[in-house]
Amino acid sequence: MGKIIVGLGNFEKQYLKNRHNAGFMALDKLKKKFEFDEFKEEKKFEAEISQGEINGIRILLIKPLTFMNKSGNAVRKIADYFKLDKKDIIVIYDDIDLPLGTIRIRAQGSAGTHNGMKSMINELGTEEFTRIRIGIESRGELSPEKQETVSFVLSDFNPKEEPIFLKTISKIPEEIEKILEDTE
């Protein structure tokens, strides 16, 4: 097994285009760009999985079918099953602490305020896995300044934000290729 790339999000239809589903949307972009298989539900892993290769490296794209705050459960099951080193895990997720249109890549770090990442770190027992953070914050610029955090992350991008977000996630395939080159 090569690597797994996990997108964090909520699987129910009403959340599909929410800011909090940036990770799922990034995986859809990867699947299309690299012509991966269709996502298929794997009940034993509590996830939808798509398989393919990027530059000769076997990759599983993972969408946990748990709620956000239990994302780590599915990833731990997959990592254990395939006997993956935690460094073979890449997690893509939204970050309210980064401005809309920003991508940050880190080899390790804390969860910050993100419950999905708290679950990942707790279940994997380490902070030592690569994460790609996609900025979703635009309060006060393109969306209302005063908005409760949960309702903000569970809202869809507005018409001014959506093109910025789509341009941002279109850069994810290139960023993944760079990460894979650096780890070989």
Protein backbone atom coordinates (compact mmCIF):
# COMPACT_ATOMS: atom_id res chain seq x y z
CA MET A 1 0.00 0.00 0.00
CA GLY A 2 1.24 3.50 -0.83
CA LYS A 3 -0.57 6.35 0.90
CA ILE A 4 -4.03 7.40 1.95
CA ILE A 5 -5.42 10.85 1.42
CA VAL A 6 -8.29 11.65 3.75
CA GLY A 7 -10.77 14.43 3.15
CA LEU A 8 -12.68 15.61 6.18
CA GLY A 9 -16.34 16.44 5.79
CA ASN A 10 -19.89 15.46 6.64
CA PHE A 11 -21.44 12.81 4.42
CA GLU A 12 -25.12 13.83 4.54
CA LYS A 13 -26.52 15.54 1.43
CA GLN A 14 -27.40 18.82 3.16
CA TYR A 15 -23.70 19.35 3.95
CA LEU A 16 -22.21 18.54 0.52
CA LYS A 17 -21.32 22.13 -0.48
CA ASN A 18 -20.66 23.48 3.03
CA ARG A 19 -17.38 25.13 3.96
CA HIS A 20 -16.81 22.25 6.40
CA ASN A 21 -16.77 19.85 3.43
CA ALA A 22 -13.72 21.40 1.79
CA GLY A 23 -11.85 18.12 2.34
CA PHE A 24 -14.48 16.06 0.51
CA MET A 25 -14.57 18.57 -2.36
CA ALA A 26 -10.77 18.46 -2.64
CA LEU A 27 -10.91 14.64 -2.91
CA ASP A 28 -13.47 14.94 -5.70
CA LYS A 29 -11.00 17.20 -7.52
CA LEU A 30 -8.18 14.65 -7.03
CA LYS A 31 -10.40 11.78 -8.21
CA LYS A 32 -11.28 13.61 -11.39
CA LYS A 33 -7.78 14.94 -12.16
CA PHE A 34 -6.04 11.59 -11.69
CA GLU A 35 -8.93 9.46 -13.03
CA PHE A 36 -9.40 7.37 -9.88
CA ASP A 37 -12.13 4.75 -9.50
CA GLU A 38 -15.59 5.84 -8.35
CA PHE A 39 -16.00 6.18 -4.58
CA LYS A 40 -17.46 3.02 -3.05
CA GLU A 41 -18.78 2.56 0.46
CA GLU A 42 -16.72 0.16 2.57
CA LYS A 43 -18.85 -0.56 5.65
CA LYS A 44 -16.05 -2.25 7.61
CA PHE A 45 -14.03 0.97 7.39
CA GLU A 46 -16.97 3.38 7.79
CA ALA A 47 -15.77 5.22 4.71
CA GLU A 48 -16.14 5.74 1.00
CA ILE A 49 -12.94 4.80 -0.81
CA SER A 50 -11.59 5.52 -4.28
CA GLN A 51 -8.40 3.90 -5.57
CA GLY A 52 -5.85 5.02 -8.09
CA GLU A 53 -2.28 6.08 -8.66
CA ILE A 54 -0.47 9.38 -8.68
CA ASN A 55 2.98 9.31 -10.29
CA GLY A 56 3.22 5.54 -9.79
CA ILE A 57 2.24 5.62 -6.12
CA ARG A 58 -0.87 3.66 -5.10
CA ILE A 59 -3.30 5.97 -3.34
CA LEU A 60 -6.59 5.48 -1.51
CA LEU A 61 -8.84 8.53 -1.28
CA ILE A 62 -10.89 8.30 1.93
CA LYS A 63 -14.14 10.04 2.85
CA PRO A 64 -15.09 9.00 6.39
CA LEU A 65 -18.81 8.20 6.74
CA THR A 66 -18.73 9.08 10.40
CA PHE A 67 -19.62 12.55 11.49
CA MET A 68 -16.78 15.07 11.54
CA ASN A 69 -15.94 14.64 15.23
CA LYS A 70 -15.44 10.87 14.74
CA SER A 71 -13.43 10.99 11.50
CA GLY A 72 -10.41 9.44 13.17
CA ASN A 73 -12.31 6.17 13.81
CA ALA A 74 -12.55 5.38 10.10
CA VAL A 75 -8.98 6.43 9.36
CA ARG A 76 -7.55 4.37 12.23
CA LYS A 77 -9.39 1.26 10.94
CA ILE A 78 -7.94 1.77 7.45
CA ALA A 79 -4.42 2.56 8.72
CA ASP A 80 -4.47 -0.55 10.95
CA TYR A 81 -5.84 -2.80 8.19
CA PHE A 82 -3.20 -1.75 5.67
CA LYS A 83 -0.47 -1.48 8.35
CA LEU A 84 0.29 2.08 7.30
CA ASP A 85 2.88 4.25 8.92
CA LYS A 86 1.18 7.41 10.14
CA LYS A 87 3.50 9.35 7.83
CA ASP A 88 1.69 7.71 4.89
CA ILE A 89 -1.47 9.61 5.80
CA ILE A 90 -2.37 12.99 4.29
CA VAL A 91 -5.43 14.81 5.64
CA ILE A 92 -7.20 17.63 3.79
CA TYR A 93 -9.61 19.83 5.72
CA ASP A 94 -11.17 23.28 6.09
CA ASP A 95 -9.60 25.81 8.42
CA ILE A 96 -11.59 28.75 9.77
CA ASP A 97 -8.37 30.33 11.05
CA LEU A 98 -7.06 30.82 7.49
CA PRO A 99 -8.36 33.39 5.01
CA LEU A 100 -10.47 32.12 2.12
CA GLY A 101 -8.20 31.15 -0.76
CA THR A 102 -5.26 30.08 1.41
CA ILE A 103 -3.65 26.64 1.46
CA ARG A 104 -1.24 25.65 4.24
CA ILE A 105 0.68 22.40 4.35
CA ARG A 106 2.28 21.03 7.50
CA ALA A 107 4.06 17.75 8.24
CA GLN A 108 2.60 17.75 11.75
CA GLY A 109 0.88 19.98 14.27
CA SER A 110 -2.01 20.40 16.63
CA ALA A 111 -5.69 20.15 15.80
CA GLY A 112 -6.41 23.78 16.59
CA THR A 113 -10.16 24.19 16.94
CA HIS A 114 -11.07 21.56 14.32
CA ASN A 115 -13.02 18.64 15.83
CA GLY A 116 -12.29 16.33 12.90
CA MET A 117 -8.57 16.84 13.42
CA LYS A 118 -8.93 16.34 17.18
CA SER A 119 -10.50 12.96 16.40
CA MET A 120 -7.72 12.11 13.92
CA ILE A 121 -4.94 12.90 16.41
CA ASN A 122 -6.72 11.08 19.23
CA GLU A 123 -7.39 7.90 17.20
CA LEU A 124 -4.00 7.79 15.47
CA GLY A 125 -2.14 8.64 18.68
CA THR A 126 0.11 11.15 16.95
CA GLU A 127 0.26 14.60 15.36
CA GLU A 128 2.88 13.35 12.89
CA PHE A 129 0.95 13.12 9.64
CA THR A 130 0.72 15.59 6.78
CA ARG A 131 -2.18 17.98 6.71
CA ILE A 132 -3.41 20.33 4.03
CA ARG A 133 -5.48 23.13 5.48
CA ILE A 134 -7.84 25.01 3.17
CA GLY A 135 -8.79 28.50 4.34
CA ILE A 136 -12.52 29.17 4.47
CA GLU A 137 -12.66 32.39 6.54
CA SER A 138 -14.10 35.50 4.94
CA ARG A 139 -16.27 36.96 7.69
CA GLY A 140 -16.23 40.72 7.49
CA GLU A 141 -14.94 40.68 3.91
CA LEU A 142 -17.20 38.57 1.70
CA SER A 143 -19.65 37.25 4.27
CA PRO A 144 -21.25 38.80 7.37
CA GLU A 145 -18.73 39.66 10.07
CA LYS A 146 -20.85 38.51 12.99
CA GLN A 147 -21.85 34.91 12.55
CA GLU A 148 -21.70 32.03 15.00
CA THR A 149 -18.85 29.63 14.12
CA VAL A 150 -20.86 26.40 13.74
CA SER A 151 -23.47 27.99 11.49
CA PHE A 152 -20.67 29.63 9.47
CA VAL A 153 -18.73 26.40 8.78
CA LEU A 154 -21.98 24.54 8.01
CA SER A 155 -23.06 27.15 5.47
CA ASP A 156 -22.41 27.03 1.73
CA PHE A 157 -20.03 29.46 0.09
CA ASN A 158 -21.84 32.57 -1.14
CA PRO A 159 -21.59 33.67 -4.82
CA LYS A 160 -18.61 35.96 -4.08
CA GLU A 161 -16.72 33.27 -2.17
CA GLU A 162 -17.39 30.24 -4.38
CA PRO A 163 -15.06 31.19 -7.30
CA ILE A 164 -12.23 31.88 -4.83
CA PHE A 165 -12.77 28.54 -3.12
CA LEU A 166 -13.00 26.62 -6.42
CA LYS A 167 -9.77 28.21 -7.64
CA THR A 168 -8.12 27.22 -4.36
CA ILE A 169 -9.11 23.54 -4.47
CA SER A 170 -8.06 23.36 -8.13
CA LYS A 171 -4.49 23.74 -6.78
CA ILE A 172 -4.77 20.66 -4.53
CA PRO A 173 -3.67 18.08 -7.16
CA GLU A 174 -0.43 20.00 -7.75
CA GLU A 175 0.17 20.29 -4.00
CA ILE A 176 -0.38 16.54 -3.58
CA GLU A 177 2.16 15.81 -6.33
CA LYS A 178 4.72 18.00 -4.55
CA ILE A 179 4.10 16.23 -1.23
CA LEU A 180 4.47 12.81 -2.88
CA GLU A 181 7.74 13.87 -4.57
CA ASP A 182 9.12 15.08 -1.25
CA THR A 183 8.29 11.81 0.54
CA GLU A 184 9.83 9.45 -2.02
